C-alpha atoms as a PDB file:
ATOM      1  CA  UNK A   1     -73.898  17.935 -13.102  1.00  0.00           C
ATOM      2  CA  UNK A   2     -76.338  15.233 -14.241  1.00  0.00           C
ATOM      3  CA  UNK A   3     -74.723  11.883 -13.474  1.00  0.00           C
ATOM      4  CA  UNK A   4     -77.257  10.010 -15.602  1.00  0.00           C
ATOM      5  CA  UNK A   5     -77.805  11.793 -18.873  1.00  0.00           C
ATOM      6  CA  UNK A   6     -79.770   8.768 -20.070  1.00  0.00           C
ATOM      7  CA  UNK A   7     -81.781   8.704 -16.808  1.00  0.00           C
ATOM      8  CA  UNK A   8     -80.369   5.341 -15.704  1.00  0.00           C
ATOM      9  CA  UNK A   9     -80.196   5.074 -11.926  1.00  0.00           C
ATOM     10  CA  UNK A  10     -76.732   4.792 -10.360  1.00  0.00           C
ATOM     11  CA  UNK A  11     -76.247   2.786  -7.185  1.00  0.00           C
ATOM     12  CA  UNK A  12     -73.064   2.335  -5.163  1.00  0.00           C
ATOM     13  CA  UNK A  13     -71.605  -0.651  -3.340  1.00  0.00           C
ATOM     14  CA  UNK A  14     -68.830  -0.191  -0.767  1.00  0.00           C
ATOM     15  CA  UNK A  15     -66.831  -3.210   0.394  1.00  0.00           C
ATOM     16  CA  UNK A  16     -66.241  -2.657   4.120  1.00  0.00           C
ATOM     17  CA  UNK A  17     -66.160  -6.154   5.607  1.00  0.00           C
ATOM     18  CA  UNK A  18     -62.466  -6.933   6.064  1.00  0.00           C
ATOM     19  CA  UNK A  19     -60.278  -6.934   9.137  1.00  0.00           C
ATOM     20  CA  UNK A  20     -57.381  -4.965   7.697  1.00  0.00           C
ATOM     21  CA  UNK A  21     -54.782  -7.332   9.127  1.00  0.00           C
ATOM     22  CA  UNK A  22     -51.851  -5.212   7.869  1.00  0.00           C
ATOM     23  CA  UNK A  23     -52.899  -2.314  10.122  1.00  0.00           C
ATOM     24  CA  UNK A  24     -50.723  -3.481  12.998  1.00  0.00           C
ATOM     25  CA  UNK A  25     -51.908  -2.524  16.460  1.00  0.00           C
ATOM     26  CA  UNK A  26     -55.478  -1.827  15.336  1.00  0.00           C
ATOM     27  CA  UNK A  27     -58.295  -4.284  16.001  1.00  0.00           C
ATOM     28  CA  UNK A  28     -61.264  -2.305  14.695  1.00  0.00           C
ATOM     29  CA  UNK A  29     -62.680  -2.010  11.208  1.00  0.00           C
ATOM     30  CA  UNK A  30     -60.121  -0.016   9.232  1.00  0.00           C
ATOM     31  CA  UNK A  31     -62.800   1.792   7.219  1.00  0.00           C
ATOM     32  CA  UNK A  32     -63.601   3.651  10.453  1.00  0.00           C
ATOM     33  CA  UNK A  33     -60.053   4.917  10.978  1.00  0.00           C
ATOM     34  CA  UNK A  34     -59.937   8.724  11.225  1.00  0.00           C
ATOM     35  CA  UNK A  35     -58.726  11.071   8.533  1.00  0.00           C
ATOM     36  CA  UNK A  36     -58.474  13.781  11.209  1.00  0.00           C
ATOM     37  CA  UNK A  37     -55.921  12.631  13.756  1.00  0.00           C
ATOM     38  CA  UNK A  38     -56.767  13.018  17.431  1.00  0.00           C
ATOM     39  CA  UNK A  39     -54.748  11.821  20.411  1.00  0.00           C
ATOM     40  CA  UNK A  40     -53.235   9.117  18.181  1.00  0.00           C
ATOM     41  CA  UNK A  41     -53.360   8.070  14.536  1.00  0.00           C
ATOM     42  CA  UNK A  42     -56.020   5.510  15.456  1.00  0.00           C
ATOM     43  CA  UNK A  43     -58.207   8.035  17.269  1.00  0.00           C
ATOM     44  CA  UNK A  44     -59.793  11.146  15.873  1.00  0.00           C
ATOM     45  CA  UNK A  45     -62.683  12.151  13.627  1.00  0.00           C
ATOM     46  CA  UNK A  46     -64.033  11.930  10.078  1.00  0.00           C
ATOM     47  CA  UNK A  47     -63.736   8.184   9.360  1.00  0.00           C
ATOM     48  CA  UNK A  48     -62.539   6.991   5.969  1.00  0.00           C
ATOM     49  CA  UNK A  49     -65.926   5.436   5.251  1.00  0.00           C
ATOM     50  CA  UNK A  50     -67.796   8.703   5.746  1.00  0.00           C
ATOM     51  CA  UNK A  51     -65.470  10.450   3.319  1.00  0.00           C
ATOM     52  CA  UNK A  52     -66.286   7.817   0.695  1.00  0.00           C
ATOM     53  CA  UNK A  53     -70.034   8.061   1.292  1.00  0.00           C
ATOM     54  CA  UNK A  54     -69.850  11.843   0.923  1.00  0.00           C
ATOM     55  CA  UNK A  55     -67.896  11.636  -2.350  1.00  0.00           C
ATOM     56  CA  UNK A  56     -70.049   9.062  -4.131  1.00  0.00           C
ATOM     57  CA  UNK A  57     -72.720  10.291  -6.554  1.00  0.00           C
ATOM     58  CA  UNK A  58     -76.321  10.490  -5.333  1.00  0.00           C
ATOM     59  CA  UNK A  59     -78.327   7.285  -5.378  1.00  0.00           C
ATOM     60  CA  UNK A  60     -78.970   4.136  -3.312  1.00  0.00           C
ATOM     61  CA  UNK A  61     -75.944   2.820  -1.466  1.00  0.00           C
ATOM     62  CA  UNK A  62     -75.036  -0.464   0.201  1.00  0.00           C
ATOM     63  CA  UNK A  63     -72.225  -1.511   2.516  1.00  0.00           C
ATOM     64  CA  UNK A  64     -70.861  -5.040   2.655  1.00  0.00           C
ATOM     65  CA  UNK A  65     -70.118  -5.675   6.336  1.00  0.00           C
ATOM     66  CA  UNK A  66     -68.630  -8.361   8.567  1.00  0.00           C
ATOM     67  CA  UNK A  67     -65.792  -7.369  10.920  1.00  0.00           C
ATOM     68  CA  UNK A  68     -67.023  -5.048  13.711  1.00  0.00           C
ATOM     69  CA  UNK A  69     -70.235  -4.604  11.753  1.00  0.00           C
ATOM     70  CA  UNK A  70     -72.057  -2.996  14.699  1.00  0.00           C
ATOM     71  CA  UNK A  71     -69.515  -0.155  14.693  1.00  0.00           C
ATOM     72  CA  UNK A  72     -69.935   0.295  10.944  1.00  0.00           C
ATOM     73  CA  UNK A  73     -73.717   0.442  11.276  1.00  0.00           C
ATOM     74  CA  UNK A  74     -73.439   2.957  14.124  1.00  0.00           C
ATOM     75  CA  UNK A  75     -71.120   5.231  12.146  1.00  0.00           C
ATOM     76  CA  UNK A  76     -73.097   5.169   8.892  1.00  0.00           C
ATOM     77  CA  UNK A  77     -76.778   4.826   9.811  1.00  0.00           C
ATOM     78  CA  UNK A  78     -77.517   8.489   9.007  1.00  0.00           C
ATOM     79  CA  UNK A  79     -76.747   7.774   5.337  1.00  0.00           C
ATOM     80  CA  UNK A  80     -79.497   5.114   5.375  1.00  0.00           C
ATOM     81  CA  UNK A  81     -77.570   2.564   3.297  1.00  0.00           C
ATOM     82  CA  UNK A  82     -78.512  -1.062   2.772  1.00  0.00           C
ATOM     83  CA  UNK A  83     -76.275  -3.439   4.762  1.00  0.00           C
ATOM     84  CA  UNK A  84     -75.218  -6.711   3.143  1.00  0.00           C
ATOM     85  CA  UNK A  85     -73.505  -9.137   5.498  1.00  0.00           C
ATOM     86  CA  UNK A  86     -70.649 -11.189   4.092  1.00  0.00           C
ATOM     87  CA  UNK A  87     -70.859 -14.381   6.203  1.00  0.00           C
ATOM     88  CA  UNK A  88     -67.266 -15.399   5.471  1.00  0.00           C
ATOM     89  CA  UNK A  89     -64.321 -13.199   4.557  1.00  0.00           C
ATOM     90  CA  UNK A  90     -63.865 -14.856   1.191  1.00  0.00           C
ATOM     91  CA  UNK A  91     -62.490 -12.128  -1.048  1.00  0.00           C
ATOM     92  CA  UNK A  92     -63.758  -9.187  -3.054  1.00  0.00           C
ATOM     93  CA  UNK A  93     -65.784 -11.492  -5.258  1.00  0.00           C
ATOM     94  CA  UNK A  94     -67.309 -13.019  -2.146  1.00  0.00           C
ATOM     95  CA  UNK A  95     -68.332  -9.526  -1.048  1.00  0.00           C
ATOM     96  CA  UNK A  96     -70.000  -8.978  -4.406  1.00  0.00           C
ATOM     97  CA  UNK A  97     -71.861 -12.271  -4.081  1.00  0.00           C
ATOM     98  CA  UNK A  98     -72.979 -11.281  -0.572  1.00  0.00           C
ATOM     99  CA  UNK A  99     -74.592  -8.159  -2.073  1.00  0.00           C
ATOM    100  CA  UNK A 100     -76.432 -10.041  -4.822  1.00  0.00           C
ATOM    101  CA  UNK A 101     -79.910  -9.286  -3.452  1.00  0.00           C
ATOM    102  CA  UNK A 102     -79.198  -5.545  -3.256  1.00  0.00           C
ATOM    103  CA  UNK A 103     -77.832  -5.593  -6.794  1.00  0.00           C
ATOM    104  CA  UNK A 104     -80.804  -7.598  -8.063  1.00  0.00           C
ATOM    105  CA  UNK A 105     -83.165  -4.985  -6.628  1.00  0.00           C
ATOM    106  CA  UNK A 106     -81.739  -2.455  -9.112  1.00  0.00           C
ATOM    107  CA  UNK A 107     -81.885  -4.230 -12.452  1.00  0.00           C
ATOM    108  CA  UNK A 108     -81.510  -1.929 -15.455  1.00  0.00           C
ATOM    109  CA  UNK A 109     -79.355   0.440 -13.391  1.00  0.00           C
ATOM    110  CA  UNK A 110     -75.595   0.937 -13.186  1.00  0.00           C
ATOM    111  CA  UNK A 111     -73.398   0.327 -10.162  1.00  0.00           C
ATOM    112  CA  UNK A 112     -70.199   1.769  -8.761  1.00  0.00           C
ATOM    113  CA  UNK A 113     -68.145  -0.762  -6.769  1.00  0.00           C
ATOM    114  CA  UNK A 114     -65.503   0.681  -4.471  1.00  0.00           C
ATOM    115  CA  UNK A 115     -63.305  -0.435  -1.611  1.00  0.00           C
ATOM    116  CA  UNK A 116     -63.964   0.911   1.871  1.00  0.00           C
ATOM    117  CA  UNK A 117     -60.393   2.113   2.431  1.00  0.00           C
ATOM    118  CA  UNK A 118     -59.935   4.386  -0.621  1.00  0.00           C
ATOM    119  CA  UNK A 119     -61.202   7.808   0.530  1.00  0.00           C
ATOM    120  CA  UNK A 120     -59.835  10.312  -1.970  1.00  0.00           C
ATOM    121  CA  UNK A 121     -61.581   9.339  -5.202  1.00  0.00           C
ATOM    122  CA  UNK A 122     -63.190  12.520  -6.478  1.00  0.00           C
ATOM    123  CA  UNK A 123     -66.876  12.704  -7.315  1.00  0.00           C
ATOM    124  CA  UNK A 124     -65.990  13.702 -10.887  1.00  0.00           C
ATOM    125  CA  UNK A 125     -63.943  10.540 -11.215  1.00  0.00           C
ATOM    126  CA  UNK A 126     -66.927   8.417 -10.211  1.00  0.00           C
ATOM    127  CA  UNK A 127     -68.971  10.340 -12.799  1.00  0.00           C
ATOM    128  CA  UNK A 128     -66.353   9.535 -15.456  1.00  0.00           C
ATOM    129  CA  UNK A 129     -66.602   5.826 -14.634  1.00  0.00           C
ATOM    130  CA  UNK A 130     -70.379   5.904 -15.013  1.00  0.00           C
ATOM    131  CA  UNK A 131     -70.279   7.928 -18.241  1.00  0.00           C
ATOM    132  CA  UNK A 132     -67.963   5.346 -19.826  1.00  0.00           C
ATOM    133  CA  UNK A 133     -70.688   2.712 -19.413  1.00  0.00           C
ATOM    134  CA  UNK A 134     -72.245   4.168 -22.566  1.00  0.00           C
ATOM    135  CA  UNK A 135     -69.544   2.237 -24.420  1.00  0.00           C
ATOM    136  CA  UNK A 136     -68.599  -0.611 -22.079  1.00  0.00           C
ATOM    137  CA  UNK A 137     -70.259  -3.262 -19.924  1.00  0.00           C
ATOM    138  CA  UNK A 138     -67.713  -2.744 -17.145  1.00  0.00           C
ATOM    139  CA  UNK A 139     -65.207   0.056 -16.550  1.00  0.00           C
ATOM    140  CA  UNK A 140     -62.094  -0.110 -14.373  1.00  0.00           C
ATOM    141  CA  UNK A 141     -60.537   2.889 -12.651  1.00  0.00           C
ATOM    142  CA  UNK A 142     -56.872   2.738 -13.596  1.00  0.00           C
ATOM    143  CA  UNK A 143     -53.831   4.727 -12.525  1.00  0.00           C
ATOM    144  CA  UNK A 144     -50.150   5.005 -13.435  1.00  0.00           C
ATOM    145  CA  UNK A 145     -47.952   5.015 -10.312  1.00  0.00           C
ATOM    146  CA  UNK A 146     -44.217   5.636 -10.202  1.00  0.00           C
ATOM    147  CA  UNK A 147     -43.812   2.211  -8.599  1.00  0.00           C
ATOM    148  CA  UNK A 148     -46.157  -0.621  -9.633  1.00  0.00           C
ATOM    149  CA  UNK A 149     -45.462  -2.387  -6.312  1.00  0.00           C
ATOM    150  CA  UNK A 150     -47.798  -5.396  -6.152  1.00  0.00           C
ATOM    151  CA  UNK A 151     -50.771  -3.864  -7.968  1.00  0.00           C
ATOM    152  CA  UNK A 152     -52.691  -5.768 -10.597  1.00  0.00           C
ATOM    153  CA  UNK A 153     -51.912  -4.586 -14.136  1.00  0.00           C
ATOM    154  CA  UNK A 154     -54.372  -3.967 -16.952  1.00  0.00           C
ATOM    155  CA  UNK A 155     -53.786  -5.832 -20.201  1.00  0.00           C
ATOM    156  CA  UNK A 156     -55.127  -3.440 -22.827  1.00  0.00           C
ATOM    157  CA  UNK A 157     -55.952  -3.968 -26.492  1.00  0.00           C
ATOM    158  CA  UNK A 158     -56.711  -0.561 -27.977  1.00  0.00           C
ATOM    159  CA  UNK A 159     -59.392   0.967 -25.761  1.00  0.00           C
ATOM    160  CA  UNK A 160     -60.489  -2.400 -24.361  1.00  0.00           C
ATOM    161  CA  UNK A 161     -59.204  -4.175 -21.271  1.00  0.00           C
ATOM    162  CA  UNK A 162     -58.770  -7.890 -21.873  1.00  0.00           C
ATOM    163  CA  UNK A 163     -57.425  -9.027 -18.504  1.00  0.00           C
ATOM    164  CA  UNK A 164     -56.122  -7.974 -15.095  1.00  0.00           C
ATOM    165  CA  UNK A 165     -52.782  -9.603 -14.394  1.00  0.00           C
ATOM    166  CA  UNK A 166     -52.049 -10.113 -10.696  1.00  0.00           C
ATOM    167  CA  UNK A 167     -48.599  -9.440  -9.244  1.00  0.00           C
ATOM    168  CA  UNK A 168     -47.782 -13.094  -8.606  1.00  0.00           C
ATOM    169  CA  UNK A 169     -47.924 -13.603 -12.381  1.00  0.00           C
ATOM    170  CA  UNK A 170     -46.493 -10.412 -13.833  1.00  0.00           C
ATOM    171  CA  UNK A 171     -43.673 -10.489 -11.281  1.00  0.00           C
ATOM    172  CA  UNK A 172     -42.280 -13.474 -13.227  1.00  0.00           C
ATOM    173  CA  UNK A 173     -42.201 -11.518 -16.510  1.00  0.00           C
ATOM    174  CA  UNK A 174     -38.977 -10.112 -17.904  1.00  0.00           C
ATOM    175  CA  UNK A 175     -38.277  -6.455 -17.143  1.00  0.00           C
ATOM    176  CA  UNK A 176     -38.831  -5.557 -20.789  1.00  0.00           C
ATOM    177  CA  UNK A 177     -42.241  -7.249 -20.791  1.00  0.00           C
ATOM    178  CA  UNK A 178     -43.213  -5.605 -17.490  1.00  0.00           C
ATOM    179  CA  UNK A 179     -42.526  -2.180 -19.012  1.00  0.00           C
ATOM    180  CA  UNK A 180     -45.258  -2.877 -21.568  1.00  0.00           C
ATOM    181  CA  UNK A 181     -47.881  -2.658 -18.812  1.00  0.00           C
ATOM    182  CA  UNK A 182     -48.292   0.881 -17.494  1.00  0.00           C
ATOM    183  CA  UNK A 183     -51.822   0.969 -16.054  1.00  0.00           C
ATOM    184  CA  UNK A 184     -52.598  -0.451 -12.613  1.00  0.00           C
ATOM    185  CA  UNK A 185     -55.930  -1.582 -11.195  1.00  0.00           C
ATOM    186  CA  UNK A 186     -57.313   0.590  -8.377  1.00  0.00           C
ATOM    187  CA  UNK A 187     -59.938  -2.006  -7.404  1.00  0.00           C
ATOM    188  CA  UNK A 188     -62.751   0.447  -8.224  1.00  0.00           C
ATOM    189  CA  UNK A 189     -65.257  -0.335 -10.962  1.00  0.00           C
ATOM    190  CA  UNK A 190     -68.528   0.657 -12.589  1.00  0.00           C
ATOM    191  CA  UNK A 191     -70.763  -1.840 -14.365  1.00  0.00           C
ATOM    192  CA  UNK A 192     -74.031  -2.145 -16.193  1.00  0.00           C
ATOM    193  CA  UNK A 193     -76.134  -3.967 -13.636  1.00  0.00           C
ATOM    194  CA  UNK A 194     -77.781  -6.458 -15.981  1.00  0.00           C
ATOM    195  CA  UNK A 195     -74.425  -7.547 -17.372  1.00  0.00           C
ATOM    196  CA  UNK A 196     -72.948  -7.842 -13.883  1.00  0.00           C
ATOM    197  CA  UNK A 197     -75.851  -9.937 -12.591  1.00  0.00           C
ATOM    198  CA  UNK A 198     -75.524 -12.294 -15.536  1.00  0.00           C
ATOM    199  CA  UNK A 199     -71.940 -13.128 -14.583  1.00  0.00           C
ATOM    200  CA  UNK A 200     -72.272 -13.510 -10.817  1.00  0.00           C
ATOM    201  CA  UNK A 201     -73.299 -17.194 -11.101  1.00  0.00           C
ATOM    202  CA  UNK A 202     -70.189 -17.805 -13.234  1.00  0.00           C
ATOM    203  CA  UNK A 203     -68.011 -15.987 -10.700  1.00  0.00           C
ATOM    204  CA  UNK A 204     -69.477 -18.177  -7.959  1.00  0.00           C
ATOM    205  CA  UNK A 205     -68.157 -21.240  -9.794  1.00  0.00           C
ATOM    206  CA  UNK A 206     -64.572 -19.918  -9.786  1.00  0.00           C
ATOM    207  CA  UNK A 207     -63.228 -20.165  -6.234  1.00  0.00           C
ATOM    208  CA  UNK A 208     -59.502 -19.775  -5.556  1.00  0.00           C
ATOM    209  CA  UNK A 209     -57.688 -21.598  -2.777  1.00  0.00           C
ATOM    210  CA  UNK A 210     -55.287 -19.166  -1.082  1.00  0.00           C
ATOM    211  CA  UNK A 211     -53.106 -19.277   2.008  1.00  0.00           C
ATOM    212  CA  UNK A 212     -54.162 -16.889   4.784  1.00  0.00           C
ATOM    213  CA  UNK A 213     -53.050 -16.299   8.344  1.00  0.00           C
ATOM    214  CA  UNK A 214     -55.923 -16.967  10.742  1.00  0.00           C
ATOM    215  CA  UNK A 215     -55.404 -16.906  14.507  1.00  0.00           C
ATOM    216  CA  UNK A 216     -51.658 -17.196  14.052  1.00  0.00           C
ATOM    217  CA  UNK A 217     -51.877 -20.172  11.694  1.00  0.00           C
ATOM    218  CA  UNK A 218     -51.451 -20.453   7.930  1.00  0.00           C
ATOM    219  CA  UNK A 219     -54.565 -22.062   6.517  1.00  0.00           C
ATOM    220  CA  UNK A 220     -56.080 -22.637   3.083  1.00  0.00           C
ATOM    221  CA  UNK A 221     -59.252 -20.645   2.458  1.00  0.00           C
ATOM    222  CA  UNK A 222     -61.616 -20.343  -0.493  1.00  0.00           C
ATOM    223  CA  UNK A 223     -61.879 -16.871  -2.017  1.00  0.00           C
ATOM    224  CA  UNK A 224     -63.542 -15.246  -5.011  1.00  0.00           C
ATOM    225  CA  UNK A 225     -62.010 -12.348  -6.960  1.00  0.00           C
ATOM    226  CA  UNK A 226     -63.821  -9.510  -8.721  1.00  0.00           C
ATOM    227  CA  UNK A 227     -60.965  -9.457 -11.235  1.00  0.00           C
ATOM    228  CA  UNK A 228     -62.179 -12.798 -12.628  1.00  0.00           C
ATOM    229  CA  UNK A 229     -65.215 -10.949 -13.993  1.00  0.00           C
ATOM    230  CA  UNK A 230     -63.018  -9.155 -16.525  1.00  0.00           C
ATOM    231  CA  UNK A 231     -61.745 -12.404 -17.998  1.00  0.00           C
ATOM    232  CA  UNK A 232     -65.211 -13.990 -17.970  1.00  0.00           C
ATOM    233  CA  UNK A 233     -66.812 -11.024 -19.713  1.00  0.00           C
ATOM    234  CA  UNK A 234     -64.013 -10.676 -22.248  1.00  0.00           C
ATOM    235  CA  UNK A 235     -64.296 -14.350 -23.162  1.00  0.00           C
ATOM    236  CA  UNK A 236     -67.905 -13.717 -24.198  1.00  0.00           C
ATOM    237  CA  UNK A 237     -66.976 -10.544 -26.101  1.00  0.00           C
ATOM    238  CA  UNK A 238     -68.399  -7.993 -23.680  1.00  0.00           C
ATOM    239  CA  UNK A 239     -66.481  -4.739 -23.810  1.00  0.00           C
ATOM    240  CA  UNK A 240     -64.391  -3.815 -20.757  1.00  0.00           C
ATOM    241  CA  UNK A 241     -62.945  -0.301 -20.587  1.00  0.00           C
ATOM    242  CA  UNK A 242     -60.977   1.907 -18.239  1.00  0.00           C
ATOM    243  CA  UNK A 243     -60.711   5.529 -17.195  1.00  0.00           C
ATOM    244  CA  UNK A 244     -57.749   7.045 -15.439  1.00  0.00           C
ATOM    245  CA  UNK A 245     -57.573   8.525 -11.955  1.00  0.00           C
ATOM    246  CA  UNK A 246     -56.087  11.994 -11.641  1.00  0.00           C
ATOM    247  CA  UNK A 247     -53.060  10.796  -9.690  1.00  0.00           C
ATOM    248  CA  UNK A 248     -51.804   7.994  -7.479  1.00  0.00           C
ATOM    249  CA  UNK A 249     -52.938   9.634  -4.235  1.00  0.00           C
ATOM    250  CA  UNK A 250     -56.533   9.733  -5.463  1.00  0.00           C
ATOM    251  CA  UNK A 251     -56.725   5.928  -5.388  1.00  0.00           C
ATOM    252  CA  UNK A 252     -54.438   5.200  -2.456  1.00  0.00           C
ATOM    253  CA  UNK A 253     -55.706   2.433  -0.214  1.00  0.00           C
ATOM    254  CA  UNK A 254     -55.199   2.802   3.525  1.00  0.00           C
ATOM    255  CA  UNK A 255     -54.044  -0.680   4.396  1.00  0.00           C
ATOM    256  CA  UNK A 256     -51.156  -0.111   6.816  1.00  0.00           C
ATOM    257  CA  UNK A 257     -49.956   2.460   9.347  1.00  0.00           C
ATOM    258  CA  UNK A 258     -47.680   4.476   6.985  1.00  0.00           C
ATOM    259  CA  UNK A 259     -50.580   4.783   4.517  1.00  0.00           C
ATOM    260  CA  UNK A 260     -52.864   5.988   7.318  1.00  0.00           C
ATOM    261  CA  UNK A 261     -50.423   8.696   8.386  1.00  0.00           C
ATOM    262  CA  UNK A 262     -49.963   9.780   4.763  1.00  0.00           C
ATOM    263  CA  UNK A 263     -53.737   9.931   4.258  1.00  0.00           C
ATOM    264  CA  UNK A 264     -54.172  12.040   7.368  1.00  0.00           C
ATOM    265  CA  UNK A 265     -51.544  14.476   6.098  1.00  0.00           C
ATOM    266  CA  UNK A 266     -53.190  14.630   2.651  1.00  0.00           C
ATOM    267  CA  UNK A 267     -56.589  15.304   4.193  1.00  0.00           C
ATOM    268  CA  UNK A 268     -55.151  17.945   6.511  1.00  0.00           C
ATOM    269  CA  UNK A 269     -53.568  19.713   3.534  1.00  0.00           C
ATOM    270  CA  UNK A 270     -56.893  19.803   1.675  1.00  0.00           C
ATOM    271  CA  UNK A 271     -58.514  21.582   4.606  1.00  0.00           C
ATOM    272  CA  UNK A 272     -55.833  24.205   5.216  1.00  0.00           C
END
């Protein structure tokens, strides 16, 4: 399959810098956790990150790194990606800003942005994201889970996405109003590079102060959110769209121990 019918280059950016603090008992980089269990759930083979790199479409790739970056470089060097260091763990938007030079090197291209702990997105799904850029400046991979949990929700007007509503806001809505929102944000995107680059300086001017636990203490930290891009672009009448994942498992993030065990069982079933 030709991923770029219009011959526009596709590049990929994987956010793999975080500590994964909800993975209790694990001190490594969670993107290197194994999908094939060995002597324990934390030991084995076929790291999450390698599965993602194998599933992404062909083209230049970059990894945003920070926590245990030497281990990430060791595990992925054969793919010859670009490494973009995120100096501070300051959110998904901060990771995007840390990769600005890599992104700038590929003007006039299109970029897939994915999290480093979501291993089961199919290659065809990435293709669908990229294809939708014929009609939109940015495309969000959505999904419809049985339980919305604390996912961000897409506010949709016809075929356009106007906003991503975070849980701390939609949780205050009435039950009837919550039922109006059926599509959740997977945290995976595709964008026209020139449009994305135009809005990074605006994103950089929109820090959020959030409470985080650092070294056993609750502290205020400054973070930037990719989701702000949707609101910024919509305000200037750029078109934001979405495509749907095949199912909830395809976009599951491995952020705690139960999710890791479930992912290992899913991967085992695909190989049997």
